[in-house]
N, C-alpha and C. Protein backbone atom coordinates (compact mmCIF):
# COMPACT_ATOMS: atom_id res chain seq x y z
N UNK A 1 -16.38 -1.34 -0.14
CA UNK A 1 -15.34 -1.78 0.35
C UNK A 1 -14.08 -1.33 -0.08
N UNK A 2 -12.72 -1.27 0.71
CA UNK A 2 -11.46 -1.07 0.78
C UNK A 2 -11.10 -2.32 0.31
N UNK A 3 -10.31 -1.48 -0.96
CA UNK A 3 -8.99 -3.42 -1.50
C UNK A 3 -7.83 -3.00 -1.38
N UNK A 4 -6.75 -3.06 -1.09
CA UNK A 4 -5.50 -2.71 -2.17
C UNK A 4 -5.05 -3.97 -3.01
N UNK A 5 -5.54 -4.57 -3.17
CA UNK A 5 -4.84 -5.49 -4.30
C UNK A 5 -4.36 -5.32 -5.38
N UNK A 6 -4.55 -3.47 -6.10
CA UNK A 6 -3.66 -2.77 -6.75
C UNK A 6 -2.53 -2.56 -6.21
N UNK A 7 -1.62 -2.90 -4.73
CA UNK A 7 -0.74 -2.03 -4.08
C UNK A 7 -0.11 -3.30 -4.62
N UNK A 8 -1.00 -4.99 -4.55
CA UNK A 8 0.24 -5.74 -4.12
C UNK A 8 -0.05 -6.67 -5.53
N UNK A 9 0.40 -5.54 -6.42
CA UNK A 9 0.44 -5.98 -7.70
C UNK A 9 1.00 -4.95 -8.54
N UNK A 10 1.15 -3.69 -7.91
CA UNK A 10 2.37 -2.70 -8.18
C UNK A 10 4.07 -2.75 -6.93
N UNK A 11 3.73 -3.45 -6.01
CA UNK A 11 5.10 -3.19 -6.07
C UNK A 11 5.37 -4.73 -5.84
N UNK A 12 5.19 -5.95 -6.90
CA UNK A 12 5.56 -6.76 -7.55
C UNK A 12 5.69 -5.84 -9.21
N UNK A 13 5.27 -5.30 -9.97
CA UNK A 13 5.94 -4.74 -10.98
C UNK A 13 6.41 -4.47 -10.19
N UNK A 14 6.76 -3.25 -9.10
CA UNK A 14 7.84 -2.45 -9.40
C UNK A 14 8.74 -3.31 -8.39
N UNK A 15 9.11 -4.57 -8.49
CA UNK A 15 10.46 -5.19 -7.40
C UNK A 15 10.41 -4.23 -5.83
N UNK A 16 9.60 -4.26 -4.95
CA UNK A 16 9.76 -3.76 -3.43
C UNK A 16 8.68 -4.60 -2.37
N UNK A 17 9.49 -5.18 -1.71
CA UNK A 17 8.38 -6.47 -0.49
C UNK A 17 7.43 -5.74 0.66
N UNK A 18 7.36 -6.80 1.20
CA UNK A 18 6.68 -6.12 2.84
C UNK A 18 8.03 -5.74 3.89
N UNK A 19 8.91 -6.09 2.85
CA UNK A 19 9.98 -6.23 4.19
C UNK A 19 10.86 -4.97 3.70
N UNK A 20 10.90 -5.10 1.94
CA UNK A 20 10.92 -3.51 2.64
C UNK A 20 10.44 -2.14 2.71
N UNK A 21 9.50 -2.37 2.32
CA UNK A 21 8.93 -1.10 2.50
C UNK A 21 8.52 -1.05 4.81
N UNK A 22 8.52 -1.49 5.24
CA UNK A 22 9.20 -2.08 6.24
C UNK A 22 11.17 -1.53 6.80
N UNK A 23 11.61 -1.81 6.18
CA UNK A 23 12.75 -1.37 6.79
C UNK A 23 13.64 -0.90 5.86
N UNK A 24 13.82 -0.33 4.93
CA UNK A 24 13.62 0.74 4.22
C UNK A 24 13.78 1.75 3.53
N UNK A 25 11.50 1.77 3.73
CA UNK A 25 11.22 2.75 3.99
C UNK A 25 10.43 3.14 4.74
N UNK A 26 10.06 2.50 6.64
CA UNK A 26 9.24 2.86 7.36
C UNK A 26 8.67 3.18 7.83
N UNK A 27 7.85 2.52 7.13
CA UNK A 27 6.38 1.79 6.77
C UNK A 27 6.40 0.99 8.37
N UNK A 28 5.75 1.14 9.04
CA UNK A 28 5.53 0.11 10.05
C UNK A 28 4.66 -0.83 10.17
N UNK A 29 5.28 -2.09 10.66
CA UNK A 29 5.07 -3.47 10.61
C UNK A 29 2.80 -3.33 11.21
N UNK A 30 2.69 -1.82 11.56
CA UNK A 30 0.94 -2.21 11.63
C UNK A 30 -0.02 -1.89 10.41
N UNK A 31 0.28 -0.46 9.69
CA UNK A 31 0.60 -0.09 9.18
C UNK A 31 0.81 -1.63 8.43
N UNK A 32 1.78 -2.09 7.88
CA UNK A 32 1.30 -3.81 6.86
C UNK A 32 0.30 -3.90 6.65
N UNK A 33 0.21 -4.58 8.30
CA UNK A 33 -0.92 -4.92 8.95
C UNK A 33 -1.87 -4.86 8.43
N UNK A 34 -2.25 -3.39 8.66
CA UNK A 34 -3.37 -2.95 8.11
C UNK A 34 -3.96 -3.53 6.26
N UNK A 35 -2.83 -3.30 6.28
CA UNK A 35 -3.08 -3.11 4.37
C UNK A 35 -3.20 -4.14 3.92
N UNK A 36 -2.28 -5.76 4.67
CA UNK A 36 -2.96 -6.39 4.69
C UNK A 36 -5.26 -7.38 4.32
N UNK A 37 -5.10 -6.60 5.68
CA UNK A 37 -6.55 -7.33 6.37
C UNK A 37 -7.65 -6.19 5.99
N UNK A 38 -7.26 -5.34 4.62
CA UNK A 38 -8.05 -4.15 3.35
C UNK A 38 -8.52 -3.16 4.89
N UNK A 39 -8.11 -2.46 5.51
CA UNK A 39 -8.22 -1.57 6.92
C UNK A 39 -8.12 -0.34 6.54
N UNK A 40 -8.40 1.23 6.44
CA UNK A 40 -8.41 1.94 6.04
C UNK A 40 -7.79 2.39 6.69
N UNK A 41 -6.17 3.29 5.94
CA UNK A 41 -5.52 4.02 6.64
C UNK A 41 -5.01 5.56 5.54
N UNK A 42 -4.37 5.84 6.66
CA UNK A 42 -4.02 7.57 5.96
C UNK A 42 -3.80 7.98 5.40
N UNK A 43 -4.19 9.51 4.98
CA UNK A 43 -3.98 9.57 3.23
C UNK A 43 -2.33 10.29 3.39
N UNK A 44 -1.96 10.13 4.72
CA UNK A 44 -0.51 10.16 4.61
C UNK A 44 0.38 8.99 4.49
N UNK A 45 0.47 7.90 4.68
CA UNK A 45 0.23 7.06 4.05
C UNK A 45 -0.28 6.74 3.32
N UNK A 46 -1.07 6.78 2.83
CA UNK A 46 -1.78 6.59 1.09
C UNK A 46 -0.20 7.25 0.81
N UNK A 47 -0.24 8.68 0.02
CA UNK A 47 0.60 9.54 0.02
C UNK A 47 1.86 8.76 -0.09
N UNK A 48 2.97 7.96 1.64
CA UNK A 48 4.22 7.76 0.97
C UNK A 48 4.05 6.79 0.20
N UNK A 49 3.81 5.71 0.25
CA UNK A 49 3.06 4.36 -0.39
C UNK A 49 3.45 5.09 -2.33
N UNK A 50 3.07 5.41 -2.17
CA UNK A 50 3.27 6.24 -3.92
C UNK A 50 4.16 6.68 -3.79
N UNK A 51 4.73 7.80 -3.09
CA UNK A 51 5.68 7.50 -3.69
C UNK A 51 6.74 7.35 -3.58
N UNK A 52 7.05 6.03 -2.59
CA UNK A 52 7.56 4.87 -2.59
C UNK A 52 7.77 4.32 -3.66
N UNK A 53 6.30 4.01 -4.32
CA UNK A 53 6.20 2.77 -5.68
C UNK A 53 5.93 4.02 -7.07
N UNK A 54 6.24 5.36 -6.42
CA UNK A 54 6.66 6.29 -7.67
C UNK A 54 4.62 5.55 -8.49
N UNK A 55 3.54 6.36 -7.85
CA UNK A 55 2.18 6.31 -8.34
C UNK A 55 1.12 6.29 -8.22
N UNK A 56 0.77 6.91 -8.49
CA UNK A 56 -0.88 6.91 -8.39
C UNK A 56 -1.38 5.97 -7.77
N UNK A 57 -2.91 6.65 -6.27
CA UNK A 57 -3.78 6.49 -5.43
C UNK A 57 -4.32 4.91 -6.64
N UNK A 58 -4.17 5.87 -7.83
CA UNK A 58 -5.71 4.62 -8.52
C UNK A 58 -4.35 2.66 -8.17
N UNK A 59 -2.63 2.67 -7.53
CA UNK A 59 -2.32 1.86 -8.24
C UNK A 59 -2.54 1.54 -7.14
N UNK A 60 -3.38 2.08 -5.86
CA UNK A 60 -2.52 1.07 -4.52
C UNK A 60 -4.12 1.19 -4.15
N UNK A 61 -4.92 1.87 -4.17
CA UNK A 61 -6.23 1.38 -3.34
C UNK A 61 -7.43 1.22 -4.67
N UNK A 62 -8.20 0.56 -4.22
CA UNK A 62 -9.90 0.48 -5.22
C UNK A 62 -10.80 0.10 -4.06
N UNK A 63 -11.80 0.54 -4.53
CA UNK A 63 -13.13 1.19 -3.50
C UNK A 63 -14.42 -0.56 -4.50
N UNK A 64 -14.96 -0.94 -3.77
CA UNK A 64 -15.79 -1.60 -4.52
C UNK A 64 -16.67 -1.88 -3.45
N UNK A 65 -17.96 -2.22 -3.81
CA UNK A 65 -19.85 -2.12 -3.74
C UNK A 65 -19.66 -3.15 -3.13
N UNK A 66 -20.24 -3.23 -1.51
CA UNK A 66 -20.10 -4.46 -0.57
C UNK A 66 -21.26 -4.82 -1.59
């Protein structure tokens, strides 16, 4: 199971809101909805999030056993 719990913590630490992701950094609202629902995103989106937040993939997503 995919979990984006690390993303929300990283965003909080960096002071980045979902509003900023959409309006400042060009992340689509659809992508933010996918993240909130713990659904799959592309590697390009993961890379973009890592660049925005200056972090690694581990700071964005974790995989949990069902």
